[in-house]
């Protein structure tokens, strides 16, 4: 008898059981062989709506990895700079309208064709539909430029967040990396990193400080999540 069980992202487990019955000796002999093959690559898809600095940072971080790789980049904005970055990085890129993402299965088919294991949101300004959350349970990650649960929700992205933080005279801000569910910015937190806010800060200066946190922590958090899942 032959059974093959596959844990999609990381391991393939093949169990071969050979049975030999020796009637004359009234014996039952079982030979069991277990072979574990490690799948050397976890495939990422990055979703972005803007210039794609985080997307490029993530792609470069994993460029030489034998275990994790960016297999495609998806944008919901035809003019998004991330599509040009994808060309320079020689990573397949795709445009899907918000309507297609919500009502069509075309994006899911694209992800299946690339054998995607994790979806990484990097400045993606659209709500992920529930069917995609169901298809990728705890395998969609997002980064938010504030300390959730504060300054999250619909419309709270980019400079909108930084303006609100400064208007409320906060003394610190930061980033939140979290799993994605069916609501904006409400998934389980994975990591938060902090930075100070100074009296002389502008939206631009705060944004630059936040970007440095994003570039430093997001690729490492993605890597850690994948490693923890495989353990």
Protein backbone atom coordinates (compact mmCIF):
# COMPACT_ATOMS: atom_id res chain seq x y z
CA UNK A 1 0.00 0.00 0.00
CA UNK A 2 1.20 3.53 -0.73
CA UNK A 3 0.05 6.75 0.93
CA UNK A 4 1.33 10.21 0.05
CA UNK A 5 0.60 13.17 2.34
CA UNK A 6 1.71 16.65 1.41
CA UNK A 7 1.98 19.65 3.74
CA UNK A 8 1.84 22.23 1.04
CA UNK A 9 4.32 24.89 2.01
CA UNK A 10 7.15 23.13 3.68
CA UNK A 11 7.22 19.39 3.83
CA UNK A 12 6.27 16.40 1.73
CA UNK A 13 5.77 13.25 3.70
CA UNK A 14 5.72 9.93 1.88
CA UNK A 15 4.92 6.79 3.78
CA UNK A 16 5.41 3.45 2.12
CA UNK A 17 4.16 0.41 3.91
CA UNK A 18 4.95 -2.97 2.57
CA UNK A 19 3.14 -5.93 4.03
CA UNK A 20 4.20 -9.51 3.66
CA UNK A 21 2.15 -12.32 5.03
CA UNK A 22 3.79 -15.63 5.60
CA UNK A 23 0.90 -18.05 6.01
CA UNK A 24 3.05 -21.07 6.52
CA UNK A 25 4.86 -19.47 9.44
CA UNK A 26 1.71 -17.61 10.58
CA UNK A 27 3.70 -14.38 10.80
CA UNK A 28 2.86 -10.79 9.89
CA UNK A 29 5.73 -8.63 8.75
CA UNK A 30 5.50 -4.88 8.20
CA UNK A 31 8.20 -2.80 6.62
CA UNK A 32 7.65 0.91 7.02
CA UNK A 33 9.74 3.52 5.34
CA UNK A 34 9.28 7.20 6.04
CA UNK A 35 10.97 9.68 3.79
CA UNK A 36 10.75 13.38 4.46
CA UNK A 37 11.67 15.77 1.68
CA UNK A 38 12.00 19.42 2.52
CA UNK A 39 10.46 21.71 0.00
CA UNK A 40 13.25 24.19 -0.58
CA UNK A 41 11.12 27.15 -1.61
CA UNK A 42 8.22 29.02 -0.05
CA UNK A 43 6.63 31.22 -2.71
CA UNK A 44 5.51 34.79 -2.01
CA UNK A 45 3.21 37.11 -3.92
CA UNK A 46 3.49 40.81 -3.09
CA UNK A 47 0.42 43.04 -3.46
CA UNK A 48 1.02 46.79 -3.81
CA UNK A 49 -0.81 49.89 -5.03
CA UNK A 50 1.92 52.53 -5.11
CA UNK A 51 5.59 53.06 -5.86
CA UNK A 52 6.63 49.71 -4.39
CA UNK A 53 9.63 50.61 -2.23
CA UNK A 54 8.64 48.00 0.34
CA UNK A 55 8.00 45.45 -2.38
CA UNK A 56 11.46 45.98 -3.83
CA UNK A 57 13.06 45.83 -0.39
CA UNK A 58 11.38 42.48 0.30
CA UNK A 59 12.28 41.10 -3.13
CA UNK A 60 15.93 42.05 -2.70
CA UNK A 61 16.04 40.66 0.83
CA UNK A 62 15.01 37.21 -0.43
CA UNK A 63 16.77 37.40 -3.81
CA UNK A 64 19.53 34.95 -2.86
CA UNK A 65 17.46 32.78 -0.54
CA UNK A 66 17.08 29.10 -1.34
CA UNK A 67 14.05 28.82 0.94
CA UNK A 68 11.88 31.89 0.27
CA UNK A 69 11.29 33.74 -3.00
CA UNK A 70 9.06 36.41 -4.49
CA UNK A 71 7.33 34.77 -7.43
CA UNK A 72 5.00 37.55 -8.56
CA UNK A 73 3.87 41.11 -7.85
CA UNK A 74 0.23 42.17 -8.09
CA UNK A 75 -1.07 45.73 -8.38
CA UNK A 76 -4.61 47.12 -8.38
CA UNK A 77 -3.44 50.38 -9.98
CA UNK A 78 -2.34 50.36 -13.62
CA UNK A 79 -0.04 53.32 -13.04
CA UNK A 80 1.55 51.97 -9.87
CA UNK A 81 5.31 52.38 -9.81
CA UNK A 82 5.64 48.89 -8.38
CA UNK A 83 4.93 47.46 -11.85
CA UNK A 84 8.05 49.18 -13.23
CA UNK A 85 10.06 47.97 -10.27
CA UNK A 86 8.88 44.44 -10.98
CA UNK A 87 10.17 44.71 -14.55
CA UNK A 88 13.57 45.87 -13.34
CA UNK A 89 13.66 43.04 -10.82
CA UNK A 90 12.58 40.55 -13.51
CA UNK A 91 9.63 39.41 -11.39
CA UNK A 92 6.32 38.60 -13.16
CA UNK A 93 3.76 41.31 -12.47
CA UNK A 94 0.01 41.57 -12.95
CA UNK A 95 -2.70 44.20 -12.80
CA UNK A 96 -6.15 43.35 -11.47
CA UNK A 97 -8.85 45.95 -10.94
CA UNK A 98 -10.61 46.14 -7.58
CA UNK A 99 -13.72 44.76 -9.24
CA UNK A 100 -11.81 41.76 -10.57
CA UNK A 101 -10.30 41.15 -7.17
CA UNK A 102 -13.71 41.20 -5.49
CA UNK A 103 -15.85 39.37 -8.03
CA UNK A 104 -13.58 37.23 -10.16
CA UNK A 105 -11.46 34.16 -9.46
CA UNK A 106 -8.79 35.31 -11.92
CA UNK A 107 -6.42 36.51 -9.22
CA UNK A 108 -6.76 33.29 -7.25
CA UNK A 109 -6.02 31.32 -10.40
CA UNK A 110 -2.94 33.46 -10.99
CA UNK A 111 -1.71 32.73 -7.47
CA UNK A 112 -2.33 29.02 -7.91
CA UNK A 113 -0.40 29.02 -11.18
CA UNK A 114 2.59 30.48 -9.33
CA UNK A 115 2.09 28.02 -6.44
CA UNK A 116 1.92 30.91 -3.99
CA UNK A 117 2.15 30.06 -0.29
CA UNK A 118 1.98 33.54 1.27
CA UNK A 119 0.54 36.88 0.21
CA UNK A 120 2.45 39.92 1.41
CA UNK A 121 0.64 43.27 1.38
CA UNK A 122 3.01 46.19 0.93
CA UNK A 123 0.98 49.35 0.58
CA UNK A 124 -2.00 47.60 -0.96
CA UNK A 125 -4.99 49.93 -0.73
CA UNK A 126 -7.87 47.52 -1.09
CA UNK A 127 -9.73 45.21 1.24
CA UNK A 128 -8.80 41.57 0.74
CA UNK A 129 -11.99 39.61 -0.10
CA UNK A 130 -13.11 36.92 2.31
CA UNK A 131 -12.67 34.14 -0.26
CA UNK A 132 -8.95 34.96 -0.45
CA UNK A 133 -8.64 35.07 3.34
CA UNK A 134 -10.27 31.63 3.42
CA UNK A 135 -7.93 30.33 0.72
CA UNK A 136 -4.84 31.61 2.57
CA UNK A 137 -5.61 31.27 6.30
CA UNK A 138 -2.91 32.99 8.40
CA UNK A 139 -0.87 33.31 5.24
CA UNK A 140 -1.64 36.92 4.32
CA UNK A 141 0.51 39.54 6.04
CA UNK A 142 0.20 43.32 6.09
CA UNK A 143 2.25 46.22 7.40
CA UNK A 144 0.61 49.36 8.78
CA UNK A 145 2.45 52.66 9.41
CA UNK A 146 1.14 53.19 12.94
CA UNK A 147 0.73 51.38 16.24
CA UNK A 148 -2.51 49.46 15.89
CA UNK A 149 -5.24 49.45 17.03
CA UNK A 150 -4.75 53.23 16.93
CA UNK A 151 -4.90 54.97 13.56
CA UNK A 152 -6.18 51.97 11.64
CA UNK A 153 -9.20 51.28 9.49
CA UNK A 154 -10.50 52.36 6.11
CA UNK A 155 -8.80 55.44 4.73
CA UNK A 156 -5.95 55.29 7.22
CA UNK A 157 -2.87 54.77 5.06
CA UNK A 158 0.32 56.61 4.19
CA UNK A 159 0.36 60.35 4.93
CA UNK A 160 -3.22 60.21 6.23
CA UNK A 161 -1.92 58.23 9.18
CA UNK A 162 1.05 60.50 9.85
CA UNK A 163 -1.10 63.64 9.69
CA UNK A 164 -3.50 62.19 12.27
CA UNK A 165 -0.66 61.11 14.54
CA UNK A 166 0.94 64.57 14.47
CA UNK A 167 -2.40 66.35 14.87
CA UNK A 168 -2.98 64.40 18.10
CA UNK A 169 0.49 65.35 19.39
CA UNK A 170 1.55 61.76 19.95
CA UNK A 171 5.02 61.26 21.40
CA UNK A 172 5.70 58.04 19.52
CA UNK A 173 4.59 56.15 16.44
CA UNK A 174 5.75 53.03 14.69
CA UNK A 175 4.72 50.10 12.54
CA UNK A 176 2.44 47.11 13.01
CA UNK A 177 2.87 43.86 11.12
CA UNK A 178 -0.18 41.65 11.33
CA UNK A 179 -2.14 38.81 9.79
CA UNK A 180 -4.99 39.84 7.51
CA UNK A 181 -8.64 39.03 8.08
CA UNK A 182 -11.83 40.32 6.47
CA UNK A 183 -11.59 43.77 8.10
CA UNK A 184 -9.09 46.61 7.71
CA UNK A 185 -6.16 46.38 10.12
CA UNK A 186 -7.86 44.05 12.61
CA UNK A 187 -5.87 40.85 12.15
CA UNK A 188 -3.71 39.35 14.88
CA UNK A 189 -0.51 41.31 15.55
CA UNK A 190 2.82 39.73 14.69
CA UNK A 191 5.23 42.54 15.54
CA UNK A 192 5.29 46.21 16.44
CA UNK A 193 8.30 48.52 16.29
CA UNK A 194 8.42 52.02 17.74
CA UNK A 195 10.03 55.37 16.95
CA UNK A 196 9.94 58.74 18.74
CA UNK A 197 8.12 61.82 17.48
CA UNK A 198 9.86 65.16 17.84
CA UNK A 199 8.31 68.61 18.20
CA UNK A 200 9.78 69.72 14.89
CA UNK A 201 8.54 66.67 12.94
CA UNK A 202 6.64 67.11 9.70
CA UNK A 203 4.60 64.50 7.87
CA UNK A 204 7.61 63.92 5.61
CA UNK A 205 10.16 63.50 8.41
CA UNK A 206 7.91 61.13 10.34
CA UNK A 207 7.16 59.14 7.19
CA UNK A 208 10.90 58.75 6.53
CA UNK A 209 11.44 57.43 10.06
CA UNK A 210 8.55 54.98 9.63
CA UNK A 211 9.89 53.79 6.26
CA UNK A 212 13.20 52.88 7.90
CA UNK A 213 11.34 50.72 10.40
CA UNK A 214 9.40 49.06 7.56
CA UNK A 215 12.51 48.27 5.54
CA UNK A 216 14.28 46.84 8.57
CA UNK A 217 11.52 44.77 10.14
CA UNK A 218 9.10 43.61 7.44
CA UNK A 219 11.34 41.15 5.56
CA UNK A 220 12.63 39.72 8.83
CA UNK A 221 9.09 39.32 10.19
CA UNK A 222 8.00 37.51 7.02
CA UNK A 223 10.98 35.18 7.31
CA UNK A 224 10.26 34.47 10.97
CA UNK A 225 6.59 33.71 10.35
CA UNK A 226 7.52 31.19 7.66
CA UNK A 227 10.20 29.58 9.81
CA UNK A 228 7.85 29.31 12.78
CA UNK A 229 5.23 27.66 10.59
CA UNK A 230 7.71 25.08 9.34
CA UNK A 231 8.96 24.11 12.81
